[in-house]
Amino acid sequence: PLPTDALSGVAEDSPLPMAGSPVVTAHPNPFNPACEIRFSMPEDGRVSVQIFDVQGRLVSTLLNAYASVGPHVVRWDGQDTEGHSTATGMYLARVAVGGQSTSVKITLAK
């Protein structure tokens, strides 16, 4: 099961499809101070949610755990793995499920 402190909730009314590659959205976008990264698991399995800067450097790993089928929400507060605030700008939120991954551009506006 997912650690309870990693997820901010499950989106029960999510319109995300349940089959194929993970569909990823971020709300609000642009954001300040935090955004919710929403994704749907097509089946039970391991999921990784990571934030990268535009140069492709890993900024933060938000989730690396087993998750059940269905919609999920992970919150990013704009901090890196060491707890420091990140700079204003564009980032990529990547959700990897099984052998597939999908990214969404997110913008931190201060």
PDB file of N, CA and C in Angstrom:
ATOM      1  N   PRO A   1       0.826  -1.203   0.000  1.00  0.00           N
ATOM      2  CA  PRO A   1       0.000   0.000   0.000  1.00  0.00           C
ATOM      3  C   PRO A   1       0.863   1.257   0.000  1.00  0.00           C
ATOM      4  N   LEU A   2       0.277   2.349  -0.452  1.00  0.00           N
ATOM      5  CA  LEU A   2       0.978   3.623  -0.486  1.00  0.00           C
ATOM      6  C   LEU A   2       1.122   4.190   0.912  1.00  0.00           C
ATOM      7  N   PRO A   3       2.259   4.828   1.178  1.00  0.00           N
ATOM      8  CA  PRO A   3       2.396   5.495   2.472  1.00  0.00           C
ATOM      9  C   PRO A   3       1.371   6.618   2.571  1.00  0.00           C
ATOM     10  N   THR A   4       0.715   6.737   3.705  1.00  0.00           N
ATOM     11  CA  THR A   4      -0.351   7.727   3.833  1.00  0.00           C
ATOM     12  C   THR A   4       0.161   9.152   3.758  1.00  0.00           C
ATOM     13  N   ASP A   5       1.420   9.397   4.101  1.00  0.00           N
ATOM     14  CA  ASP A   5       1.931  10.766   4.032  1.00  0.00           C
ATOM     15  C   ASP A   5       2.351  11.154   2.626  1.00  0.00           C
ATOM     16  N   ALA A   6       2.389  10.202   1.687  1.00  0.00           N
ATOM     17  CA  ALA A   6       2.814  10.503   0.324  1.00  0.00           C
ATOM     18  C   ALA A   6       1.663  11.019  -0.522  1.00  0.00           C
ATOM     19  N   LEU A   7       0.453  10.591  -0.239  1.00  0.00           N
ATOM     20  CA  LEU A   7      -0.690  10.981  -1.042  1.00  0.00           C
ATOM     21  C   LEU A   7      -1.530  12.009  -0.302  1.00  0.00           C
ATOM     22  N   SER A   8      -2.020  12.983  -1.062  1.00  0.00           N
ATOM     23  CA  SER A   8      -2.889  13.968  -0.448  1.00  0.00           C
ATOM     24  C   SER A   8      -4.347  13.567  -0.587  1.00  0.00           C
ATOM     25  N   GLY A   9      -4.622  12.518  -1.342  1.00  0.00           N
ATOM     26  CA  GLY A   9      -5.990  12.059  -1.487  1.00  0.00           C
ATOM     27  C   GLY A   9      -6.171  11.312  -2.781  1.00  0.00           C
ATOM     28  N   VAL A  10      -7.318  10.747  -2.957  1.00  0.00           N
ATOM     29  CA  VAL A  10      -7.663  10.050  -4.184  1.00  0.00           C
ATOM     30  C   VAL A  10      -8.793  10.806  -4.838  1.00  0.00           C
ATOM     31  N   ALA A  11      -8.599  11.134  -6.091  1.00  0.00           N
ATOM     32  CA  ALA A  11      -9.599  11.895  -6.824  1.00  0.00           C
ATOM     33  C   ALA A  11     -10.704  10.951  -7.276  1.00  0.00           C
ATOM     34  N   GLU A  12     -11.836  10.992  -6.606  1.00  0.00           N
ATOM     35  CA  GLU A  12     -12.916  10.059  -6.905  1.00  0.00           C
ATOM     36  C   GLU A  12     -13.655  10.415  -8.178  1.00  0.00           C
ATOM     37  N   ASP A  13     -13.655  11.690  -8.566  1.00  0.00           N
ATOM     38  CA  ASP A  13     -14.375  12.104  -9.757  1.00  0.00           C
ATOM     39  C   ASP A  13     -13.440  12.314 -10.939  1.00  0.00           C
ATOM     40  N   SER A  14     -12.254  11.746 -10.881  1.00  0.00           N
ATOM     41  CA  SER A  14     -11.262  11.937 -11.927  1.00  0.00           C
ATOM     42  C   SER A  14     -11.722  11.340 -13.247  1.00  0.00           C
ATOM     43  N   PRO A  15     -11.586  12.109 -14.352  1.00  0.00           N
ATOM     44  CA  PRO A  15     -11.990  11.598 -15.652  1.00  0.00           C
ATOM     45  C   PRO A  15     -10.870  10.834 -16.346  1.00  0.00           C
ATOM     46  N   LEU A  16      -9.790  10.525 -15.661  1.00  0.00           N
ATOM     47  CA  LEU A  16      -8.638   9.908 -16.288  1.00  0.00           C
ATOM     48  C   LEU A  16      -8.950   8.476 -16.711  1.00  0.00           C
ATOM     49  N   PRO A  17      -8.505   8.093 -17.920  1.00  0.00           N
ATOM     50  CA  PRO A  17      -8.752   6.732 -18.371  1.00  0.00           C
ATOM     51  C   PRO A  17      -7.974   5.721 -17.555  1.00  0.00           C
ATOM     52  N   MET A  18      -8.465   4.493 -17.506  1.00  0.00           N
ATOM     53  CA  MET A  18      -7.876   3.468 -16.672  1.00  0.00           C
ATOM     54  C   MET A  18      -6.968   2.522 -17.449  1.00  0.00           C
ATOM     55  N   ALA A  19      -6.856   2.647 -18.760  1.00  0.00           N
ATOM     56  CA  ALA A  19      -6.051   1.713 -19.541  1.00  0.00           C
ATOM     57  C   ALA A  19      -4.938   2.445 -20.276  1.00  0.00           C
ATOM     58  N   GLY A  20      -3.872   1.712 -20.629  1.00  0.00           N
ATOM     59  CA  GLY A  20      -2.769   2.277 -21.388  1.00  0.00           C
ATOM     60  C   GLY A  20      -1.779   3.022 -20.529  1.00  0.00           C
ATOM     61  N   SER A  21      -1.069   3.962 -21.134  1.00  0.00           N
ATOM     62  CA  SER A  21      -0.077   4.759 -20.421  1.00  0.00           C
ATOM     63  C   SER A  21      -0.737   5.593 -19.339  1.00  0.00           C
ATOM     64  N   PRO A  22       0.027   5.890 -18.280  1.00  0.00           N
ATOM     65  CA  PRO A  22      -0.563   6.732 -17.241  1.00  0.00           C
ATOM     66  C   PRO A  22      -0.855   8.126 -17.783  1.00  0.00           C
ATOM     67  N   VAL A  23      -2.010   8.652 -17.467  1.00  0.00           N
ATOM     68  CA  VAL A  23      -2.374  10.019 -17.827  1.00  0.00           C
ATOM     69  C   VAL A  23      -2.060  10.882 -16.625  1.00  0.00           C
ATOM     70  N   VAL A  24      -1.363  11.996 -16.863  1.00  0.00           N
ATOM     71  CA  VAL A  24      -0.902  12.840 -15.772  1.00  0.00           C
ATOM     72  C   VAL A  24      -1.395  14.264 -15.989  1.00  0.00           C
ATOM     73  N   THR A  25      -1.935  14.863 -14.935  1.00  0.00           N
ATOM     74  CA  THR A  25      -2.314  16.279 -14.962  1.00  0.00           C
ATOM     75  C   THR A  25      -1.796  16.933 -13.689  1.00  0.00           C
ATOM     76  N   ALA A  26      -1.692  18.253 -13.713  1.00  0.00           N
ATOM     77  CA  ALA A  26      -1.247  19.006 -12.541  1.00  0.00           C
ATOM     78  C   ALA A  26      -2.162  20.213 -12.356  1.00  0.00           C
ATOM     79  N   HIS A  27      -2.594  20.414 -11.111  1.00  0.00           N
ATOM     80  CA  HIS A  27      -3.509  21.521 -10.790  1.00  0.00           C
ATOM     81  C   HIS A  27      -3.104  22.144  -9.475  1.00  0.00           C
ATOM     82  N   PRO A  28      -3.098  23.430  -9.315  1.00  0.00           N
ATOM     83  CA  PRO A  28      -3.173  24.409 -10.396  1.00  0.00           C
ATOM     84  C   PRO A  28      -1.855  24.451 -11.163  1.00  0.00           C
ATOM     85  N   ASN A  29      -1.895  25.003 -12.331  1.00  0.00           N
ATOM     86  CA  ASN A  29      -0.692  25.124 -13.143  1.00  0.00           C
ATOM     87  C   ASN A  29      -0.824  26.352 -14.021  1.00  0.00           C
ATOM     88  N   PRO A  30      -0.042  27.401 -13.772  1.00  0.00           N
ATOM     89  CA  PRO A  30       1.073  27.544 -12.826  1.00  0.00           C
ATOM     90  C   PRO A  30       0.590  27.474 -11.380  1.00  0.00           C
ATOM     91  N   PHE A  31       1.566  27.222 -10.482  1.00  0.00           N
ATOM     92  CA  PHE A  31       1.216  27.047  -9.079  1.00  0.00           C
ATOM     93  C   PHE A  31       2.139  27.835  -8.166  1.00  0.00           C
ATOM     94  N   ASN A  32       1.648  28.100  -6.981  1.00  0.00           N
ATOM     95  CA  ASN A  32       2.400  28.684  -5.875  1.00  0.00           C
ATOM     96  C   ASN A  32       1.474  28.652  -4.667  1.00  0.00           C
ATOM     97  N   PRO A  33       1.766  27.981  -3.648  1.00  0.00           N
ATOM     98  CA  PRO A  33       3.031  27.342  -3.301  1.00  0.00           C
ATOM     99  C   PRO A  33       3.078  25.846  -3.614  1.00  0.00           C
ATOM    100  N   ALA A  34       1.946  25.221  -4.009  1.00  0.00           N
ATOM    101  CA  ALA A  34       1.942  23.779  -4.220  1.00  0.00           C
ATOM    102  C   ALA A  34       0.990  23.409  -5.349  1.00  0.00           C
ATOM    103  N   CYS A  35       1.214  22.216  -5.918  1.00  0.00           N
ATOM    104  CA  CYS A  35       0.299  21.703  -6.925  1.00  0.00           C
ATOM    105  C   CYS A  35       0.029  20.231  -6.651  1.00  0.00           C
ATOM    106  N   GLU A  36      -1.055  19.743  -7.213  1.00  0.00           N
ATOM    107  CA  GLU A  36      -1.419  18.341  -7.108  1.00  0.00           C
ATOM    108  C   GLU A  36      -1.156  17.674  -8.444  1.00  0.00           C
ATOM    109  N   ILE A  37      -0.417  16.589  -8.405  1.00  0.00           N
ATOM    110  CA  ILE A  37      -0.132  15.806  -9.596  1.00  0.00           C
ATOM    111  C   ILE A  37      -1.071  14.611  -9.555  1.00  0.00           C
ATOM    112  N   ARG A  38      -1.936  14.537 -10.548  1.00  0.00           N
ATOM    113  CA  ARG A  38      -2.962  13.496 -10.594  1.00  0.00           C
ATOM    114  C   ARG A  38      -2.602  12.481 -11.674  1.00  0.00           C
ATOM    115  N   PHE A  39      -2.768  11.233 -11.328  1.00  0.00           N
ATOM    116  CA  PHE A  39      -2.488  10.172 -12.289  1.00  0.00           C
ATOM    117  C   PHE A  39      -3.414   8.999 -12.006  1.00  0.00           C
ATOM    118  N   SER A  40      -3.548   8.146 -13.002  1.00  0.00           N
ATOM    119  CA  SER A  40      -4.401   6.975 -12.861  1.00  0.00           C
ATOM    120  C   SER A  40      -3.575   5.727 -13.111  1.00  0.00           C
ATOM    121  N   MET A  41      -3.704   4.765 -12.209  1.00  0.00           N
ATOM    122  CA  MET A  41      -3.019   3.484 -12.347  1.00  0.00           C
ATOM    123  C   MET A  41      -3.906   2.548 -13.176  1.00  0.00           C
ATOM    124  N   PRO A  42      -3.410   2.049 -14.321  1.00  0.00           N
ATOM    125  CA  PRO A  42      -4.205   1.129 -15.124  1.00  0.00           C
ATOM    126  C   PRO A  42      -4.353  -0.240 -14.468  1.00  0.00           C
ATOM    127  N   GLU A  43      -3.420  -0.573 -13.566  1.00  0.00           N
ATOM    128  CA  GLU A  43      -3.482  -1.831 -12.817  1.00  0.00           C
ATOM    129  C   GLU A  43      -2.627  -1.666 -11.563  1.00  0.00           C
ATOM    130  N   ASP A  44      -2.779  -2.572 -10.623  1.00  0.00           N
ATOM    131  CA  ASP A  44      -1.948  -2.536  -9.426  1.00  0.00           C
ATOM    132  C   ASP A  44      -0.483  -2.664  -9.826  1.00  0.00           C
ATOM    133  N   GLY A  45       0.397  -1.927  -9.143  1.00  0.00           N
ATOM    134  CA  GLY A  45       1.821  -2.039  -9.451  1.00  0.00           C
ATOM    135  C   GLY A  45       2.633  -0.915  -8.856  1.00  0.00           C
ATOM    136  N   ARG A  46       3.893  -0.918  -9.203  1.00  0.00           N
ATOM    137  CA  ARG A  46       4.829   0.074  -8.694  1.00  0.00           C
ATOM    138  C   ARG A  46       4.671   1.364  -9.491  1.00  0.00           C
ATOM    139  N   VAL A  47       4.732   2.480  -8.782  1.00  0.00           N
ATOM    140  CA  VAL A  47       4.635   3.787  -9.422  1.00  0.00           C
ATOM    141  C   VAL A  47       5.720   4.693  -8.855  1.00  0.00           C
ATOM    142  N   SER A  48       6.267   5.521  -9.729  1.00  0.00           N
ATOM    143  CA  SER A  48       7.256   6.505  -9.332  1.00  0.00           C
ATOM    144  C   SER A  48       6.793   7.865  -9.824  1.00  0.00           C
ATOM    145  N   VAL A  49       6.814   8.860  -8.937  1.00  0.00           N
ATOM    146  CA  VAL A  49       6.473  10.232  -9.310  1.00  0.00           C
ATOM    147  C   VAL A  49       7.687  11.087  -8.973  1.00  0.00           C
ATOM    148  N   GLN A  50       8.291  11.682 -10.008  1.00  0.00           N
ATOM    149  CA  GLN A  50       9.505  12.478  -9.827  1.00  0.00           C
ATOM    150  C   GLN A  50       9.363  13.825 -10.505  1.00  0.00           C
ATOM    151  N   ILE A  51      10.075  14.804  -9.955  1.00  0.00           N
ATOM    152  CA  ILE A  51      10.116  16.150 -10.514  1.00  0.00           C
ATOM    153  C   ILE A  51      11.508  16.384 -11.072  1.00  0.00           C
ATOM    154  N   PHE A  52      11.582  16.898 -12.305  1.00  0.00           N
ATOM    155  CA  PHE A  52      12.842  17.218 -12.961  1.00  0.00           C
ATOM    156  C   PHE A  52      12.848  18.677 -13.381  1.00  0.00           C
ATOM    157  N   ASP A  53      14.037  19.298 -13.392  1.00  0.00           N
ATOM    158  CA  ASP A  53      14.134  20.649 -13.948  1.00  0.00           C
ATOM    159  C   ASP A  53      14.252  20.535 -15.462  1.00  0.00           C
ATOM    160  N   VAL A  54      14.276  21.665 -16.176  1.00  0.00           N
ATOM    161  CA  VAL A  54      14.285  21.631 -17.636  1.00  0.00           C
ATOM    162  C   VAL A  54      15.602  21.116 -18.209  1.00  0.00           C
ATOM    163  N   GLN A  55      16.649  21.048 -17.398  1.00  0.00           N
ATOM    164  CA  GLN A  55      17.910  20.457 -17.840  1.00  0.00           C
ATOM    165  C   GLN A  55      17.924  18.935 -17.627  1.00  0.00           C
ATOM    166  N   GLY A  56      16.855  18.379 -17.085  1.00  0.00           N
ATOM    167  CA  GLY A  56      16.755  16.949 -16.887  1.00  0.00           C
ATOM    168  C   GLY A  56      17.310  16.457 -15.557  1.00  0.00           C
ATOM    169  N   ARG A  57      17.658  17.384 -14.657  1.00  0.00           N
ATOM    170  CA  ARG A  57      18.180  16.993 -13.342  1.00  0.00           C
ATOM    171  C   ARG A  57      17.016  16.671 -12.404  1.00  0.00           C
ATOM    172  N   LEU A  58      17.203  15.586 -11.646  1.00  0.00           N
ATOM    173  CA  LEU A  58      16.195  15.201 -10.669  1.00  0.00           C
ATOM    174  C   LEU A  58      16.130  16.234  -9.549  1.00  0.00           C
ATOM    175  N   VAL A  59      14.942  16.759  -9.297  1.00  0.00           N
ATOM    176  CA  VAL A  59      14.730  17.737  -8.236  1.00  0.00           C
ATOM    177  C   VAL A  59      14.186  17.043  -6.992  1.00  0.00           C
ATOM    178  N   SER A  60      13.213  16.160  -7.186  1.00  0.00           N
ATOM    179  CA  SER A  60      12.592  15.497  -6.049  1.00  0.00           C
ATOM    180  C   SER A  60      11.887  14.223  -6.489  1.00  0.00           C
ATOM    181  N   THR A  61      11.929  13.214  -5.641  1.00  0.00           N
ATOM    182  CA  THR A  61      11.127  12.005  -5.827  1.00  0.00           C
ATOM    183  C   THR A  61       9.983  12.094  -4.823  1.00  0.00           C
ATOM    184  N   LEU A  62       8.786  12.239  -5.342  1.00  0.00           N
ATOM    185  CA  LEU A  62       7.613  12.405  -4.484  1.00  0.00           C
ATOM    186  C   LEU A  62       7.031  11.072  -4.040  1.00  0.00           C
ATOM    187  N   LEU A  63       7.187  10.069  -4.879  1.00  0.00           N
ATOM    188  CA  LEU A  63       6.588   8.788  -4.580  1.00  0.00           C
ATOM    189  C   LEU A  63       7.351   7.692  -5.312  1.00  0.00           C
ATOM    190  N   ASN A  64       7.621   6.618  -4.622  1.00  0.00           N
ATOM    191  CA  ASN A  64       8.207   5.419  -5.214  1.00  0.00           C
ATOM    192  C   ASN A  64       7.669   4.252  -4.394  1.00  0.00           C
ATOM    193  N   ALA A  65       6.514   3.742  -4.806  1.00  0.00           N
ATOM    194  CA  ALA A  65       5.811   2.765  -3.981  1.00  0.00           C
ATOM    195  C   ALA A  65       4.864   1.929  -4.828  1.00  0.00           C
ATOM    196  N   TYR A  66       4.239   0.972  -4.182  1.00  0.00           N
ATOM    197  CA  TYR A  66       3.202   0.155  -4.791  1.00  0.00           C
ATOM    198  C   TYR A  66       1.876   0.909  -4.667  1.00  0.00           C
ATOM    199  N   ALA A  67       1.078   0.914  -5.734  1.00  0.00           N
ATOM    200  CA  ALA A  67      -0.228   1.572  -5.695  1.00  0.00           C
ATOM    201  C   ALA A  67      -1.267   0.683  -6.354  1.00  0.00           C
ATOM    202  N   SER A  68      -2.497   0.828  -5.924  1.00  0.00           N
ATOM    203  CA  SER A  68      -3.591   0.048  -6.484  1.00  0.00           C
ATOM    204  C   SER A  68      -4.177   0.740  -7.711  1.00  0.00           C
ATOM    205  N   VAL A  69      -4.916  -0.023  -8.482  1.00  0.00           N
ATOM    206  CA  VAL A  69      -5.561   0.495  -9.676  1.00  0.00           C
ATOM    207  C   VAL A  69      -6.464   1.682  -9.326  1.00  0.00           C
ATOM    208  N   GLY A  70      -6.510   2.659 -10.232  1.00  0.00           N
ATOM    209  CA  GLY A  70      -7.395   3.795 -10.031  1.00  0.00           C
ATOM    210  C   GLY A  70      -6.674   5.117  -9.955  1.00  0.00           C
ATOM    211  N   PRO A  71      -7.420   6.187  -9.708  1.00  0.00           N
ATOM    212  CA  PRO A  71      -6.853   7.538  -9.663  1.00  0.00           C
ATOM    213  C   PRO A  71      -6.171   7.823  -8.328  1.00  0.00           C
ATOM    214  N   HIS A  72      -5.104   8.618  -8.397  1.00  0.00           N
ATOM    215  CA  HIS A  72      -4.337   9.016  -7.217  1.00  0.00           C
ATOM    216  C   HIS A  72      -3.890  10.463  -7.374  1.00  0.00           C
ATOM    217  N   VAL A  73      -3.568  11.097  -6.251  1.00  0.00           N
ATOM    218  CA  VAL A  73      -3.095  12.477  -6.241  1.00  0.00           C
ATOM    219  C   VAL A  73      -1.887  12.571  -5.321  1.00  0.00           C
ATOM    220  N   VAL A  74      -0.814  13.188  -5.824  1.00  0.00           N
ATOM    221  CA  VAL A  74       0.383  13.447  -5.031  1.00  0.00           C
ATOM    222  C   VAL A  74       0.616  14.953  -5.041  1.00  0.00           C
ATOM    223  N   ARG A  75       0.992  15.499  -3.917  1.00  0.00           N
ATOM    224  CA  ARG A  75       1.198  16.948  -3.776  1.00  0.00           C
ATOM    225  C   ARG A  75       2.683  17.272  -3.829  1.00  0.00           C
ATOM    226  N   TRP A  76       3.051  18.312  -4.626  1.00  0.00           N
ATOM    227  CA  TRP A  76       4.419  18.823  -4.627  1.00  0.00           C
ATOM    228  C   TRP A  76       4.389  20.256  -4.117  1.00  0.00           C
ATOM    229  N   ASP A  77       5.199  20.521  -3.097  1.00  0.00           N
ATOM    230  CA  ASP A  77       5.225  21.831  -2.456  1.00  0.00           C
ATOM    231  C   ASP A  77       6.327  22.741  -2.989  1.00  0.00           C
ATOM    232  N   GLY A  78       6.946  22.391  -4.115  1.00  0.00           N
ATOM    233  CA  GLY A  78       7.966  23.241  -4.714  1.00  0.00           C
ATOM    234  C   GLY A  78       9.327  23.115  -4.062  1.00  0.00           C
ATOM    235  N   GLN A  79       9.527  22.071  -3.264  1.00  0.00           N
ATOM    236  CA  GLN A  79      10.817  21.877  -2.606  1.00  0.00           C
ATOM    237  C   GLN A  79      11.579  20.722  -3.238  1.00  0.00           C
ATOM    238  N   ASP A  80      12.927  20.787  -3.125  1.00  0.00           N
ATOM    239  CA  ASP A  80      13.753  19.699  -3.629  1.00  0.00           C
ATOM    240  C   ASP A  80      13.865  18.592  -2.586  1.00  0.00           C
ATOM    241  N   THR A  81      14.680  17.581  -2.866  1.00  0.00           N
ATOM    242  CA  THR A  81      14.796  16.443  -1.961  1.00  0.00           C
ATOM    243  C   THR A  81      15.397  16.806  -0.615  1.00  0.00           C
ATOM    244  N   GLU A  82      16.111  17.941  -0.542  1.00  0.00           N
ATOM    245  CA  GLU A  82      16.726  18.375   0.715  1.00  0.00           C
ATOM    246  C   GLU A  82      15.858  19.363   1.488  1.00  0.00           C
ATOM    247  N   GLY A  83      14.655  19.628   0.970  1.00  0.00           N
ATOM    248  CA  GLY A  83      13.734  20.522   1.658  1.00  0.00           C
ATOM    249  C   GLY A  83      13.928  21.995   1.350  1.00  0.00           C
ATOM    250  N   HIS A  84      14.743  22.306   0.334  1.00  0.00           N
ATOM    251  CA  HIS A  84      14.961  23.698  -0.060  1.00  0.00           C
ATOM    252  C   HIS A  84      13.936  24.116  -1.113  1.00  0.00           C
ATOM    253  N   SER A  85      13.513  25.359  -1.051  1.00  0.00           N
ATOM    254  CA  SER A  85      12.595  25.884  -2.054  1.00  0.00           C
ATOM    255  C   SER A  85      13.297  25.938  -3.406  1.00  0.00           C
ATOM    256  N   THR A  86      12.579  25.564  -4.454  1.00  0.00           N
ATOM    257  CA  THR A  86      13.138  25.605  -5.794  1.00  0.00           C
ATOM    258  C   THR A  86      12.869  26.970  -6.422  1.00  0.00           C
ATOM    259  N   ALA A  87      13.579  27.257  -7.498  1.00  0.00           N
ATOM    260  CA  ALA A  87      13.462  28.544  -8.187  1.00  0.00           C
ATOM    261  C   ALA A  87      12.187  28.600  -9.020  1.00  0.00           C
ATOM    262  N   THR A  88      11.743  29.813  -9.274  1.00  0.00           N
ATOM    263  CA  THR A  88      10.646  30.035 -10.197  1.00  0.00           C
ATOM    264  C   THR A  88      11.031  29.458 -11.549  1.00  0.00           C
ATOM    265  N   GLY A  89      10.094  28.820 -12.207  1.00  0.00           N
ATOM    266  CA  GLY A  89      10.381  28.285 -13.530  1.00  0.00           C
ATOM    267  C   GLY A  89       9.571  27.057 -13.865  1.00  0.00           C
ATOM    268  N   MET A  90       9.969  26.422 -14.982  1.00  0.00           N
ATOM    269  CA  MET A  90       9.269  25.255 -15.474  1.00  0.00           C
ATOM    270  C   MET A  90       9.948  23.977 -14.988  1.00  0.00           C
ATOM    271  N   TYR A  91       9.126  22.984 -14.676  1.00  0.00           N
ATOM    272  CA  TYR A  91       9.589  21.671 -14.226  1.00  0.00           C
ATOM    273  C   TYR A  91       8.778  20.605 -14.952  1.00  0.00           C
ATOM    274  N   LEU A  92       9.255  19.381 -14.904  1.00  0.00           N
ATOM    275  CA  LEU A  92       8.523  18.254 -15.459  1.00  0.00           C
ATOM    276  C   LEU A  92       8.177  17.294 -14.334  1.00  0.00           C
ATOM    277  N   ALA A  93       6.925  16.927 -14.259  1.00  0.00           N
ATOM    278  CA  ALA A  93       6.486  15.888 -13.321  1.00  0.00           C
ATOM    279  C   ALA A  93       6.359  14.615 -14.137  1.00  0.00           C
ATOM    280  N   ARG A  94       7.136  13.590 -13.777  1.00  0.00           N
ATOM    281  CA  ARG A  94       7.109  12.328 -14.519  1.00  0.00           C
ATOM    282  C   ARG A  94       6.515  11.233 -13.647  1.00  0.00           C
ATOM    283  N   VAL A  95       5.530  10.551 -14.195  1.00  0.00           N
ATOM    284  CA  VAL A  95       4.910   9.419 -13.530  1.00  0.00           C
ATOM    285  C   VAL A  95       5.260   8.175 -14.328  1.00  0.00           C
ATOM    286  N   ALA A  96       5.919   7.222 -13.674  1.00  0.00           N
ATOM    287  CA  ALA A  96       6.300   5.966 -14.317  1.00  0.00           C
ATOM    288  C   ALA A  96       5.523   4.821 -13.677  1.00  0.00           C
ATOM    289  N   VAL A  97       4.842   4.073 -14.513  1.00  0.00           N
ATOM    290  CA  VAL A  97       4.054   2.927 -14.073  1.00  0.00           C
ATOM    291  C   VAL A  97       4.470   1.749 -14.938  1.00  0.00           C
ATOM    292  N   GLY A  98       4.977   0.708 -14.295  1.00  0.00           N
ATOM    293  CA  GLY A  98       5.453  -0.436 -15.069  1.00  0.00           C
ATOM    294  C   GLY A  98       6.586   0.011 -15.968  1.00  0.00           C
ATOM    295  N   GLY A  99       6.511  -0.284 -17.230  1.00  0.00           N
ATOM    296  CA  GLY A  99       7.545   0.108 -18.185  1.00  0.00           C
ATOM    297  C   GLY A  99       7.220   1.381 -18.932  1.00  0.00           C
ATOM    298  N   GLN A 100       6.150   2.075 -18.555  1.00  0.00           N
ATOM    299  CA  GLN A 100       5.733   3.273 -19.273  1.00  0.00           C
ATOM    300  C   GLN A 100       5.806   4.487 -18.370  1.00  0.00           C
ATOM    301  N   SER A 101       6.079   5.646 -18.985  1.00  0.00           N
ATOM    302  CA  SER A 101       6.071   6.884 -18.204  1.00  0.00           C
ATOM    303  C   SER A 101       5.464   8.007 -19.031  1.00  0.00           C
ATOM    304  N   THR A 102       4.922   8.972 -18.322  1.00  0.00           N
ATOM    305  CA  THR A 102       4.321  10.158 -18.928  1.00  0.00           C
ATOM    306  C   THR A 102       4.731  11.361 -18.104  1.00  0.00           C
ATOM    307  N   SER A 103       4.980  12.479 -18.788  1.00  0.00           N
ATOM    308  CA  SER A 103       5.382  13.707 -18.096  1.00  0.00           C
ATOM    309  C   SER A 103       4.401  14.821 -18.402  1.00  0.00           C
ATOM    310  N   VAL A 104       4.328  15.761 -17.455  1.00  0.00           N
ATOM    311  CA  VAL A 104       3.523  16.961 -17.654  1.00  0.00           C
ATOM    312  C   VAL A 104       4.376  18.146 -17.207  1.00  0.00           C
ATOM    313  N   LYS A 105       4.326  19.241 -17.985  1.00  0.00           N
ATOM    314  CA  LYS A 105       5.050  20.456 -17.623  1.00  0.00           C
ATOM    315  C   LYS A 105       4.284  21.183 -16.535  1.00  0.00           C
ATOM    316  N   ILE A 106       5.015  21.636 -15.523  1.00  0.00           N
ATOM    317  CA  ILE A 106       4.417  22.430 -14.461  1.00  0.00           C
ATOM    318  C   ILE A 106       5.272  23.668 -14.264  1.00  0.00           C
ATOM    319  N   THR A 107       4.646  24.765 -13.886  1.00  0.00           N
ATOM    320  CA  THR A 107       5.350  26.022 -13.725  1.00  0.00           C
ATOM    321  C   THR A 107       5.158  26.546 -12.315  1.00  0.00           C
ATOM    322  N   LEU A 108       6.287  26.780 -11.637  1.00  0.00           N
ATOM    323  CA  LEU A 108       6.277  27.393 -10.312  1.00  0.00           C
ATOM    324  C   LEU A 108       6.401  28.894 -10.495  1.00  0.00           C
ATOM    325  N   ALA A 109       5.390  29.634 -10.047  1.00  0.00           N
ATOM    326  CA  ALA A 109       5.370  31.096 -10.191  1.00  0.00           C
ATOM    327  C   ALA A 109       5.411  31.706  -8.809  1.00  0.00           C
ATOM    328  N   LYS A 110       6.452  32.494  -8.540  1.00  0.00           N
ATOM    329  CA  LYS A 110       6.562  33.129  -7.218  1.00  0.00           C
ATOM    330  C   LYS A 110       6.279  34.604  -7.324  1.00  0.00           C
TER     331      LYS A 110
END
